[in-house]
ModelCIF file with pLDDT and N, C-alpha, C, O atoms, coordinates in Angstrom:
data_MODEL
#
_entry.id   MODEL 
#
_entity.id                         1 
_entity.type                       polymer 
_entity.pdbx_number_of_molecules   1 
#
_entity_poly.entity_id                      1 
_entity_poly.type                           'polypeptide(L)' 
_entity_poly.nstd_linkage                   no 
_entity_poly.nstd_monomer                   no 
_entity_poly.pdbx_seq_one_letter_code       VPDRKCLFGRFLYYNGLITYQELIEAIVWQKVQRPAIGNLAL 
_entity_poly.pdbx_seq_one_letter_code_can   VPDRKCLFGRFLYYNGLITYQELIEAIVWQKVQRPAIGNLAL 
_entity_poly.pdbx_strand_id                 A 
#
loop_
_entity_poly_seq.entity_id 
_entity_poly_seq.num 
_entity_poly_seq.mon_id 
_entity_poly_seq.hetero 
1 1  VAL n 
1 2  PRO n 
1 3  ASP n 
1 4  ARG n 
1 5  LYS n 
1 6  CYS n 
1 7  LEU n 
1 8  PHE n 
1 9  GLY n 
1 10 ARG n 
1 11 PHE n 
1 12 LEU n 
1 13 TYR n 
1 14 TYR n 
1 15 ASN n 
1 16 GLY n 
1 17 LEU n 
1 18 ILE n 
1 19 THR n 
1 20 TYR n 
1 21 GLN n 
1 22 GLU n 
1 23 LEU n 
1 24 ILE n 
1 25 GLU n 
1 26 ALA n 
1 27 ILE n 
1 28 VAL n 
1 29 TRP n 
1 30 GLN n 
1 31 LYS n 
1 32 VAL n 
1 33 GLN n 
1 34 ARG n 
1 35 PRO n 
1 36 ALA n 
1 37 ILE n 
1 38 GLY n 
1 39 ASN n 
1 40 LEU n 
1 41 ALA n 
1 42 LEU n 
#
_struct_asym.id          A 
_struct_asym.entity_id   1 
#
loop_
_ma_qa_metric.id 
_ma_qa_metric.mode 
_ma_qa_metric.name 
_ma_qa_metric.software_group_id 
_ma_qa_metric.type 
1 global pLDDT . pLDDT 
2 local  pLDDT . pLDDT 
#
_ma_qa_metric_global.metric_id      1 
_ma_qa_metric_global.metric_value   88.33 
_ma_qa_metric_global.model_id       1 
_ma_qa_metric_global.ordinal_id     1 
#
loop_
_ma_qa_metric_local.label_asym_id 
_ma_qa_metric_local.label_comp_id 
_ma_qa_metric_local.label_seq_id 
_ma_qa_metric_local.metric_id 
_ma_qa_metric_local.metric_value 
_ma_qa_metric_local.model_id 
_ma_qa_metric_local.ordinal_id 
A VAL 1  2 89.00 1 1  
A PRO 2  2 89.00 1 2  
A ASP 3  2 89.00 1 3  
A ARG 4  2 89.00 1 4  
A LYS 5  2 90.00 1 5  
A CYS 6  2 90.00 1 6  
A LEU 7  2 89.00 1 7  
A PHE 8  2 92.00 1 8  
A GLY 9  2 91.00 1 9  
A ARG 10 2 90.00 1 10 
A PHE 11 2 93.00 1 11 
A LEU 12 2 94.00 1 12 
A TYR 13 2 92.00 1 13 
A TYR 14 2 92.00 1 14 
A ASN 15 2 92.00 1 15 
A GLY 16 2 91.00 1 16 
A LEU 17 2 92.00 1 17 
A ILE 18 2 92.00 1 18 
A THR 19 2 89.00 1 19 
A TYR 20 2 85.00 1 20 
A GLN 21 2 83.00 1 21 
A GLU 22 2 88.00 1 22 
A LEU 23 2 89.00 1 23 
A ILE 24 2 87.00 1 24 
A GLU 25 2 87.00 1 25 
A ALA 26 2 89.00 1 26 
A ILE 27 2 86.00 1 27 
A VAL 28 2 85.00 1 28 
A TRP 29 2 87.00 1 29 
A GLN 30 2 85.00 1 30 
A LYS 31 2 81.00 1 31 
A VAL 32 2 81.00 1 32 
A GLN 33 2 82.00 1 33 
A ARG 34 2 81.00 1 34 
A PRO 35 2 84.00 1 35 
A ALA 36 2 85.00 1 36 
A ILE 37 2 89.00 1 37 
A GLY 38 2 88.00 1 38 
A ASN 39 2 88.00 1 39 
A LEU 40 2 91.00 1 40 
A ALA 41 2 93.00 1 41 
A LEU 42 2 91.00 1 42 
#
loop_
_atom_site.group_PDB 
_atom_site.id 
_atom_site.type_symbol 
_atom_site.label_atom_id 
_atom_site.label_alt_id 
_atom_site.label_comp_id 
_atom_site.label_asym_id 
_atom_site.label_entity_id 
_atom_site.label_seq_id 
_atom_site.pdbx_PDB_ins_code 
_atom_site.Cartn_x 
_atom_site.Cartn_y 
_atom_site.Cartn_z 
_atom_site.occupancy 
_atom_site.B_iso_or_equiv 
_atom_site.pdbx_formal_charge 
_atom_site.auth_seq_id 
_atom_site.auth_comp_id 
_atom_site.auth_asym_id 
_atom_site.auth_atom_id 
_atom_site.pdbx_PDB_model_num 
ATOM 1   N N  . VAL A 1 1  ? 16.382  -1.597 6.839  1.00 89.00 ? 1  VAL A N  1 
ATOM 2   C CA . VAL A 1 1  ? 14.982  -1.639 6.900  1.00 89.00 ? 1  VAL A CA 1 
ATOM 3   C C  . VAL A 1 1  ? 14.588  -0.807 8.395  1.00 89.00 ? 1  VAL A C  1 
ATOM 4   O O  . VAL A 1 1  ? 15.196  -1.227 9.379  1.00 89.00 ? 1  VAL A O  1 
ATOM 5   N N  . PRO A 1 2  ? 13.694  0.246  8.601  1.00 89.00 ? 2  PRO A N  1 
ATOM 6   C CA . PRO A 1 2  ? 13.378  0.744  9.774  1.00 89.00 ? 2  PRO A CA 1 
ATOM 7   C C  . PRO A 1 2  ? 13.233  -0.312 11.054 1.00 89.00 ? 2  PRO A C  1 
ATOM 8   O O  . PRO A 1 2  ? 12.877  -1.465 10.809 1.00 89.00 ? 2  PRO A O  1 
ATOM 9   N N  . ASP A 1 3  ? 13.456  0.013  12.138 1.00 89.00 ? 3  ASP A N  1 
ATOM 10  C CA . ASP A 1 3  ? 13.015  -0.617 13.286 1.00 89.00 ? 3  ASP A CA 1 
ATOM 11  C C  . ASP A 1 3  ? 11.774  -0.188 14.127 1.00 89.00 ? 3  ASP A C  1 
ATOM 12  O O  . ASP A 1 3  ? 11.602  0.222  15.275 1.00 89.00 ? 3  ASP A O  1 
ATOM 13  N N  . ARG A 1 4  ? 10.867  -0.504 12.889 1.00 89.00 ? 4  ARG A N  1 
ATOM 14  C CA . ARG A 1 4  ? 9.371   -0.400 13.590 1.00 89.00 ? 4  ARG A CA 1 
ATOM 15  C C  . ARG A 1 4  ? 8.211   -1.374 12.675 1.00 89.00 ? 4  ARG A C  1 
ATOM 16  O O  . ARG A 1 4  ? 8.504   -1.932 11.618 1.00 89.00 ? 4  ARG A O  1 
ATOM 17  N N  . LYS A 1 5  ? 6.907   -1.433 13.306 1.00 90.00 ? 5  LYS A N  1 
ATOM 18  C CA . LYS A 1 5  ? 6.335   -1.960 12.364 1.00 90.00 ? 5  LYS A CA 1 
ATOM 19  C C  . LYS A 1 5  ? 6.076   -1.447 10.922 1.00 90.00 ? 5  LYS A C  1 
ATOM 20  O O  . LYS A 1 5  ? 6.300   -0.255 10.713 1.00 90.00 ? 5  LYS A O  1 
ATOM 21  N N  . CYS A 1 6  ? 5.557   -2.346 9.751  1.00 90.00 ? 6  CYS A N  1 
ATOM 22  C CA . CYS A 1 6  ? 5.661   -1.608 8.471  1.00 90.00 ? 6  CYS A CA 1 
ATOM 23  C C  . CYS A 1 6  ? 4.767   -2.091 7.629  1.00 90.00 ? 6  CYS A C  1 
ATOM 24  O O  . CYS A 1 6  ? 4.865   -3.314 7.528  1.00 90.00 ? 6  CYS A O  1 
ATOM 25  N N  . LEU A 1 7  ? 3.849   -1.572 6.920  1.00 89.00 ? 7  LEU A N  1 
ATOM 26  C CA . LEU A 1 7  ? 2.984   -2.075 6.086  1.00 89.00 ? 7  LEU A CA 1 
ATOM 27  C C  . LEU A 1 7  ? 3.885   -3.040 4.857  1.00 89.00 ? 7  LEU A C  1 
ATOM 28  O O  . LEU A 1 7  ? 5.091   -3.061 4.610  1.00 89.00 ? 7  LEU A O  1 
ATOM 29  N N  . PHE A 1 8  ? 2.768   -3.771 4.260  1.00 92.00 ? 8  PHE A N  1 
ATOM 30  C CA . PHE A 1 8  ? 3.874   -4.326 3.336  1.00 92.00 ? 8  PHE A CA 1 
ATOM 31  C C  . PHE A 1 8  ? 4.248   -3.975 2.338  1.00 92.00 ? 8  PHE A C  1 
ATOM 32  O O  . PHE A 1 8  ? 5.061   -4.695 1.760  1.00 92.00 ? 8  PHE A O  1 
ATOM 33  N N  . GLY A 1 9  ? 3.862   -2.861 1.781  1.00 91.00 ? 9  GLY A N  1 
ATOM 34  C CA . GLY A 1 9  ? 4.324   -2.149 0.633  1.00 91.00 ? 9  GLY A CA 1 
ATOM 35  C C  . GLY A 1 9  ? 5.667   -1.617 0.778  1.00 91.00 ? 9  GLY A C  1 
ATOM 36  O O  . GLY A 1 9  ? 6.677   -1.706 0.080  1.00 91.00 ? 9  GLY A O  1 
ATOM 37  N N  . ARG A 1 10 ? 5.333   -0.892 2.154  1.00 90.00 ? 10 ARG A N  1 
ATOM 38  C CA . ARG A 1 10 ? 6.657   -0.241 2.565  1.00 90.00 ? 10 ARG A CA 1 
ATOM 39  C C  . ARG A 1 10 ? 7.725   -1.244 3.105  1.00 90.00 ? 10 ARG A C  1 
ATOM 40  O O  . ARG A 1 10 ? 8.835   -0.947 3.546  1.00 90.00 ? 10 ARG A O  1 
ATOM 41  N N  . PHE A 1 11 ? 7.264   -2.290 3.004  1.00 93.00 ? 11 PHE A N  1 
ATOM 42  C CA . PHE A 1 11 ? 8.409   -3.510 3.543  1.00 93.00 ? 11 PHE A CA 1 
ATOM 43  C C  . PHE A 1 11 ? 9.120   -3.869 2.527  1.00 93.00 ? 11 PHE A C  1 
ATOM 44  O O  . PHE A 1 11 ? 10.340  -4.034 2.542  1.00 93.00 ? 11 PHE A O  1 
ATOM 45  N N  . LEU A 1 12 ? 8.328   -4.018 1.518  1.00 94.00 ? 12 LEU A N  1 
ATOM 46  C CA . LEU A 1 12 ? 9.188   -4.261 0.016  1.00 94.00 ? 12 LEU A CA 1 
ATOM 47  C C  . LEU A 1 12 ? 10.019  -3.132 -0.314 1.00 94.00 ? 12 LEU A C  1 
ATOM 48  O O  . LEU A 1 12 ? 11.216  -3.257 -0.571 1.00 94.00 ? 12 LEU A O  1 
ATOM 49  N N  . TYR A 1 13 ? 9.455   -2.117 -0.312 1.00 92.00 ? 13 TYR A N  1 
ATOM 50  C CA . TYR A 1 13 ? 10.663  -0.806 -0.569 1.00 92.00 ? 13 TYR A CA 1 
ATOM 51  C C  . TYR A 1 13 ? 11.457  -0.882 0.251  1.00 92.00 ? 13 TYR A C  1 
ATOM 52  O O  . TYR A 1 13 ? 12.560  -0.976 -0.288 1.00 92.00 ? 13 TYR A O  1 
ATOM 53  N N  . TYR A 1 14 ? 11.552  -0.900 1.726  1.00 92.00 ? 14 TYR A N  1 
ATOM 54  C CA . TYR A 1 14 ? 12.522  -0.896 2.646  1.00 92.00 ? 14 TYR A CA 1 
ATOM 55  C C  . TYR A 1 14 ? 13.828  -2.413 2.316  1.00 92.00 ? 14 TYR A C  1 
ATOM 56  O O  . TYR A 1 14 ? 14.971  -2.528 2.758  1.00 92.00 ? 14 TYR A O  1 
ATOM 57  N N  . ASN A 1 15 ? 13.300  -3.048 1.698  1.00 92.00 ? 15 ASN A N  1 
ATOM 58  C CA . ASN A 1 15 ? 14.007  -4.123 0.989  1.00 92.00 ? 15 ASN A CA 1 
ATOM 59  C C  . ASN A 1 15 ? 14.769  -4.095 -0.143 1.00 92.00 ? 15 ASN A C  1 
ATOM 60  O O  . ASN A 1 15 ? 15.579  -5.001 -0.345 1.00 92.00 ? 15 ASN A O  1 
ATOM 61  N N  . GLY A 1 16 ? 14.624  -3.132 -0.963 1.00 91.00 ? 16 GLY A N  1 
ATOM 62  C CA . GLY A 1 16 ? 14.927  -2.778 -2.057 1.00 91.00 ? 16 GLY A CA 1 
ATOM 63  C C  . GLY A 1 16 ? 14.221  -3.472 -3.161 1.00 91.00 ? 16 GLY A C  1 
ATOM 64  O O  . GLY A 1 16 ? 14.772  -3.488 -4.262 1.00 91.00 ? 16 GLY A O  1 
ATOM 65  N N  . LEU A 1 17 ? 13.023  -4.070 -2.998 1.00 92.00 ? 17 LEU A N  1 
ATOM 66  C CA . LEU A 1 17 ? 12.584  -4.959 -3.925 1.00 92.00 ? 17 LEU A CA 1 
ATOM 67  C C  . LEU A 1 17 ? 11.727  -4.085 -5.055 1.00 92.00 ? 17 LEU A C  1 
ATOM 68  O O  . LEU A 1 17 ? 11.653  -4.520 -6.205 1.00 92.00 ? 17 LEU A O  1 
ATOM 69  N N  . ILE A 1 18 ? 11.160  -2.986 -4.727 1.00 92.00 ? 18 ILE A N  1 
ATOM 70  C CA . ILE A 1 18 ? 10.471  -2.274 -5.345 1.00 92.00 ? 18 ILE A CA 1 
ATOM 71  C C  . ILE A 1 18 ? 11.125  -0.644 -5.294 1.00 92.00 ? 18 ILE A C  1 
ATOM 72  O O  . ILE A 1 18 ? 11.777  -0.174 -4.362 1.00 92.00 ? 18 ILE A O  1 
ATOM 73  N N  . THR A 1 19 ? 10.775  -0.002 -6.478 1.00 89.00 ? 19 THR A N  1 
ATOM 74  C CA . THR A 1 19 ? 11.204  1.686  -6.158 1.00 89.00 ? 19 THR A CA 1 
ATOM 75  C C  . THR A 1 19 ? 9.908   2.198  -5.428 1.00 89.00 ? 19 THR A C  1 
ATOM 76  O O  . THR A 1 19 ? 8.950   1.486  -5.129 1.00 89.00 ? 19 THR A O  1 
ATOM 77  N N  . TYR A 1 20 ? 10.007  3.290  -5.234 1.00 85.00 ? 20 TYR A N  1 
ATOM 78  C CA . TYR A 1 20 ? 9.112   4.464  -4.554 1.00 85.00 ? 20 TYR A CA 1 
ATOM 79  C C  . TYR A 1 20 ? 7.926   4.689  -5.375 1.00 85.00 ? 20 TYR A C  1 
ATOM 80  O O  . TYR A 1 20 ? 6.803   4.685  -4.871 1.00 85.00 ? 20 TYR A O  1 
ATOM 81  N N  . GLN A 1 21 ? 8.153   4.905  -6.755 1.00 83.00 ? 21 GLN A N  1 
ATOM 82  C CA . GLN A 1 21 ? 7.109   4.766  -7.927 1.00 83.00 ? 21 GLN A CA 1 
ATOM 83  C C  . GLN A 1 21 ? 6.378   3.849  -8.078 1.00 83.00 ? 21 GLN A C  1 
ATOM 84  O O  . GLN A 1 21 ? 5.295   3.901  -8.660 1.00 83.00 ? 21 GLN A O  1 
ATOM 85  N N  . GLU A 1 22 ? 6.844   2.943  -7.603 1.00 88.00 ? 22 GLU A N  1 
ATOM 86  C CA . GLU A 1 22 ? 6.130   1.442  -7.785 1.00 88.00 ? 22 GLU A CA 1 
ATOM 87  C C  . GLU A 1 22 ? 5.295   1.648  -6.720 1.00 88.00 ? 22 GLU A C  1 
ATOM 88  O O  . GLU A 1 22 ? 4.196   2.011  -7.139 1.00 88.00 ? 22 GLU A O  1 
ATOM 89  N N  . LEU A 1 23 ? 5.339   1.564  -5.337 1.00 89.00 ? 23 LEU A N  1 
ATOM 90  C CA . LEU A 1 23 ? 5.112   1.743  -4.052 1.00 89.00 ? 23 LEU A CA 1 
ATOM 91  C C  . LEU A 1 23 ? 3.938   2.564  -4.320 1.00 89.00 ? 23 LEU A C  1 
ATOM 92  O O  . LEU A 1 23 ? 2.816   2.060  -4.258 1.00 89.00 ? 23 LEU A O  1 
ATOM 93  N N  . ILE A 1 24 ? 4.189   4.321  -4.738 1.00 87.00 ? 24 ILE A N  1 
ATOM 94  C CA . ILE A 1 24 ? 2.993   4.870  -4.814 1.00 87.00 ? 24 ILE A CA 1 
ATOM 95  C C  . ILE A 1 24 ? 1.983   4.333  -5.916 1.00 87.00 ? 24 ILE A C  1 
ATOM 96  O O  . ILE A 1 24 ? 0.824   4.174  -5.532 1.00 87.00 ? 24 ILE A O  1 
ATOM 97  N N  . GLU A 1 25 ? 2.272   4.041  -7.206 1.00 87.00 ? 25 GLU A N  1 
ATOM 98  C CA . GLU A 1 25 ? 1.298   3.091  -8.019 1.00 87.00 ? 25 GLU A CA 1 
ATOM 99  C C  . GLU A 1 25 ? 0.374   2.136  -7.282 1.00 87.00 ? 25 GLU A C  1 
ATOM 100 O O  . GLU A 1 25 ? -0.846  2.264  -7.175 1.00 87.00 ? 25 GLU A O  1 
ATOM 101 N N  . ALA A 1 26 ? 1.155   1.128  -6.773 1.00 89.00 ? 26 ALA A N  1 
ATOM 102 C CA . ALA A 1 26 ? 0.359   0.114  -6.082 1.00 89.00 ? 26 ALA A CA 1 
ATOM 103 C C  . ALA A 1 26 ? -0.765  0.706  -4.791 1.00 89.00 ? 26 ALA A C  1 
ATOM 104 O O  . ALA A 1 26 ? -1.807  0.142  -4.458 1.00 89.00 ? 26 ALA A O  1 
ATOM 105 N N  . ILE A 1 27 ? -0.356  1.641  -4.369 1.00 86.00 ? 27 ILE A N  1 
ATOM 106 C CA . ILE A 1 27 ? -1.389  2.363  -3.181 1.00 86.00 ? 27 ILE A CA 1 
ATOM 107 C C  . ILE A 1 27 ? -2.478  3.094  -3.816 1.00 86.00 ? 27 ILE A C  1 
ATOM 108 O O  . ILE A 1 27 ? -3.660  2.852  -3.570 1.00 86.00 ? 27 ILE A O  1 
ATOM 109 N N  . VAL A 1 28 ? -2.029  4.103  -4.739 1.00 85.00 ? 28 VAL A N  1 
ATOM 110 C CA . VAL A 1 28 ? -3.407  4.515  -5.667 1.00 85.00 ? 28 VAL A CA 1 
ATOM 111 C C  . VAL A 1 28 ? -4.107  3.085  -6.041 1.00 85.00 ? 28 VAL A C  1 
ATOM 112 O O  . VAL A 1 28 ? -5.274  2.841  -5.734 1.00 85.00 ? 28 VAL A O  1 
ATOM 113 N N  . TRP A 1 29 ? -3.288  2.194  -6.716 1.00 87.00 ? 29 TRP A N  1 
ATOM 114 C CA . TRP A 1 29 ? -4.320  1.101  -7.231 1.00 87.00 ? 29 TRP A CA 1 
ATOM 115 C C  . TRP A 1 29 ? -5.254  0.134  -6.344 1.00 87.00 ? 29 TRP A C  1 
ATOM 116 O O  . TRP A 1 29 ? -6.199  -0.526 -6.776 1.00 87.00 ? 29 TRP A O  1 
ATOM 117 N N  . GLN A 1 30 ? -4.815  0.184  -5.069 1.00 85.00 ? 30 GLN A N  1 
ATOM 118 C CA . GLN A 1 30 ? -5.399  -0.154 -4.231 1.00 85.00 ? 30 GLN A CA 1 
ATOM 119 C C  . GLN A 1 30 ? -6.646  0.459  -3.409 1.00 85.00 ? 30 GLN A C  1 
ATOM 120 O O  . GLN A 1 30 ? -7.632  -0.094 -2.920 1.00 85.00 ? 30 GLN A O  1 
ATOM 121 N N  . LYS A 1 31 ? -6.227  1.834  -3.441 1.00 81.00 ? 31 LYS A N  1 
ATOM 122 C CA . LYS A 1 31 ? -7.311  2.836  -2.974 1.00 81.00 ? 31 LYS A CA 1 
ATOM 123 C C  . LYS A 1 31 ? -8.288  2.755  -3.919 1.00 81.00 ? 31 LYS A C  1 
ATOM 124 O O  . LYS A 1 31 ? -9.415  2.610  -3.445 1.00 81.00 ? 31 LYS A O  1 
ATOM 125 N N  . VAL A 1 32 ? -8.183  2.822  -5.602 1.00 81.00 ? 32 VAL A N  1 
ATOM 126 C CA . VAL A 1 32 ? -9.458  2.959  -6.009 1.00 81.00 ? 32 VAL A CA 1 
ATOM 127 C C  . VAL A 1 32 ? -10.084 1.783  -6.127 1.00 81.00 ? 32 VAL A C  1 
ATOM 128 O O  . VAL A 1 32 ? -11.310 1.896  -6.109 1.00 81.00 ? 32 VAL A O  1 
ATOM 129 N N  . GLN A 1 33 ? -9.553  0.373  -6.274 1.00 82.00 ? 33 GLN A N  1 
ATOM 130 C CA . GLN A 1 33 ? -10.236 -0.488 -6.046 1.00 82.00 ? 33 GLN A CA 1 
ATOM 131 C C  . GLN A 1 33 ? -10.927 -1.287 -4.684 1.00 82.00 ? 33 GLN A C  1 
ATOM 132 O O  . GLN A 1 33 ? -11.413 -2.419 -4.703 1.00 82.00 ? 33 GLN A O  1 
ATOM 133 N N  . ARG A 1 34 ? -10.830 -0.381 -3.514 1.00 81.00 ? 34 ARG A N  1 
ATOM 134 C CA . ARG A 1 34 ? -11.535 -0.431 -1.962 1.00 81.00 ? 34 ARG A CA 1 
ATOM 135 C C  . ARG A 1 34 ? -12.843 -0.300 -2.115 1.00 81.00 ? 34 ARG A C  1 
ATOM 136 O O  . ARG A 1 34 ? -13.306 0.625  -2.783 1.00 81.00 ? 34 ARG A O  1 
ATOM 137 N N  . PRO A 1 35 ? -13.679 -1.299 -1.459 1.00 84.00 ? 35 PRO A N  1 
ATOM 138 C CA . PRO A 1 35 ? -15.286 -1.188 -1.469 1.00 84.00 ? 35 PRO A CA 1 
ATOM 139 C C  . PRO A 1 35 ? -15.469 0.039  -0.718 1.00 84.00 ? 35 PRO A C  1 
ATOM 140 O O  . PRO A 1 35 ? -14.888 0.232  0.350  1.00 84.00 ? 35 PRO A O  1 
ATOM 141 N N  . ALA A 1 36 ? -16.350 0.968  -1.307 1.00 85.00 ? 36 ALA A N  1 
ATOM 142 C CA . ALA A 1 36 ? -17.130 1.951  -0.300 1.00 85.00 ? 36 ALA A CA 1 
ATOM 143 C C  . ALA A 1 36 ? -17.730 1.527  0.993  1.00 85.00 ? 36 ALA A C  1 
ATOM 144 O O  . ALA A 1 36 ? -18.376 0.483  1.077  1.00 85.00 ? 36 ALA A O  1 
ATOM 145 N N  . ILE A 1 37 ? -17.501 2.416  2.124  1.00 89.00 ? 37 ILE A N  1 
ATOM 146 C CA . ILE A 1 37 ? -17.877 2.039  2.791  1.00 89.00 ? 37 ILE A CA 1 
ATOM 147 C C  . ILE A 1 37 ? -19.382 2.070  3.078  1.00 89.00 ? 37 ILE A C  1 
ATOM 148 O O  . ILE A 1 37 ? -19.947 1.307  3.862  1.00 89.00 ? 37 ILE A O  1 
ATOM 149 N N  . GLY A 1 38 ? -20.145 3.325  2.140  1.00 88.00 ? 38 GLY A N  1 
ATOM 150 C CA . GLY A 1 38 ? -21.542 3.223  2.268  1.00 88.00 ? 38 GLY A CA 1 
ATOM 151 C C  . GLY A 1 38 ? -22.069 2.094  1.431  1.00 88.00 ? 38 GLY A C  1 
ATOM 152 O O  . GLY A 1 38 ? -23.261 1.819  1.574  1.00 88.00 ? 38 GLY A O  1 
ATOM 153 N N  . ASN A 1 39 ? -21.434 1.478  0.675  1.00 88.00 ? 39 ASN A N  1 
ATOM 154 C CA . ASN A 1 39 ? -21.454 0.132  -0.176 1.00 88.00 ? 39 ASN A CA 1 
ATOM 155 C C  . ASN A 1 39 ? -21.982 -1.242 1.033  1.00 88.00 ? 39 ASN A C  1 
ATOM 156 O O  . ASN A 1 39 ? -22.989 -1.936 1.172  1.00 88.00 ? 39 ASN A O  1 
ATOM 157 N N  . LEU A 1 40 ? -20.768 -1.116 1.662  1.00 91.00 ? 40 LEU A N  1 
ATOM 158 C CA . LEU A 1 40 ? -20.806 -2.147 2.711  1.00 91.00 ? 40 LEU A CA 1 
ATOM 159 C C  . LEU A 1 40 ? -22.118 -2.188 3.879  1.00 91.00 ? 40 LEU A C  1 
ATOM 160 O O  . LEU A 1 40 ? -22.857 -3.102 4.243  1.00 91.00 ? 40 LEU A O  1 
ATOM 161 N N  . ALA A 1 41 ? -22.004 -0.635 4.291  1.00 93.00 ? 41 ALA A N  1 
ATOM 162 C CA . ALA A 1 41 ? -23.311 -0.229 5.609  1.00 93.00 ? 41 ALA A CA 1 
ATOM 163 C C  . ALA A 1 41 ? -24.565 -0.644 4.505  1.00 93.00 ? 41 ALA A C  1 
ATOM 164 O O  . ALA A 1 41 ? -25.434 -1.324 5.050  1.00 93.00 ? 41 ALA A O  1 
ATOM 165 N N  . LEU A 1 42 ? -24.764 -0.410 3.327  1.00 91.00 ? 42 LEU A N  1 
ATOM 166 C CA . LEU A 1 42 ? -26.209 -0.781 2.956  1.00 91.00 ? 42 LEU A CA 1 
ATOM 167 C C  . LEU A 1 42 ? -26.064 -2.301 2.590  1.00 91.00 ? 42 LEU A C  1 
ATOM 168 O O  . LEU A 1 42 ? -27.050 -2.947 2.236  1.00 91.00 ? 42 LEU A O  1 
#
């Protein structure tokens, strides 16, 4: 595991619990469901 701060998805990947493909799929899933800044400002 790199000797630096990690985000959770990458920490799972560096610990061998998920593949890189699963990491990318999770990042895209999270990005698509993220609330829009415009809606929050409204």
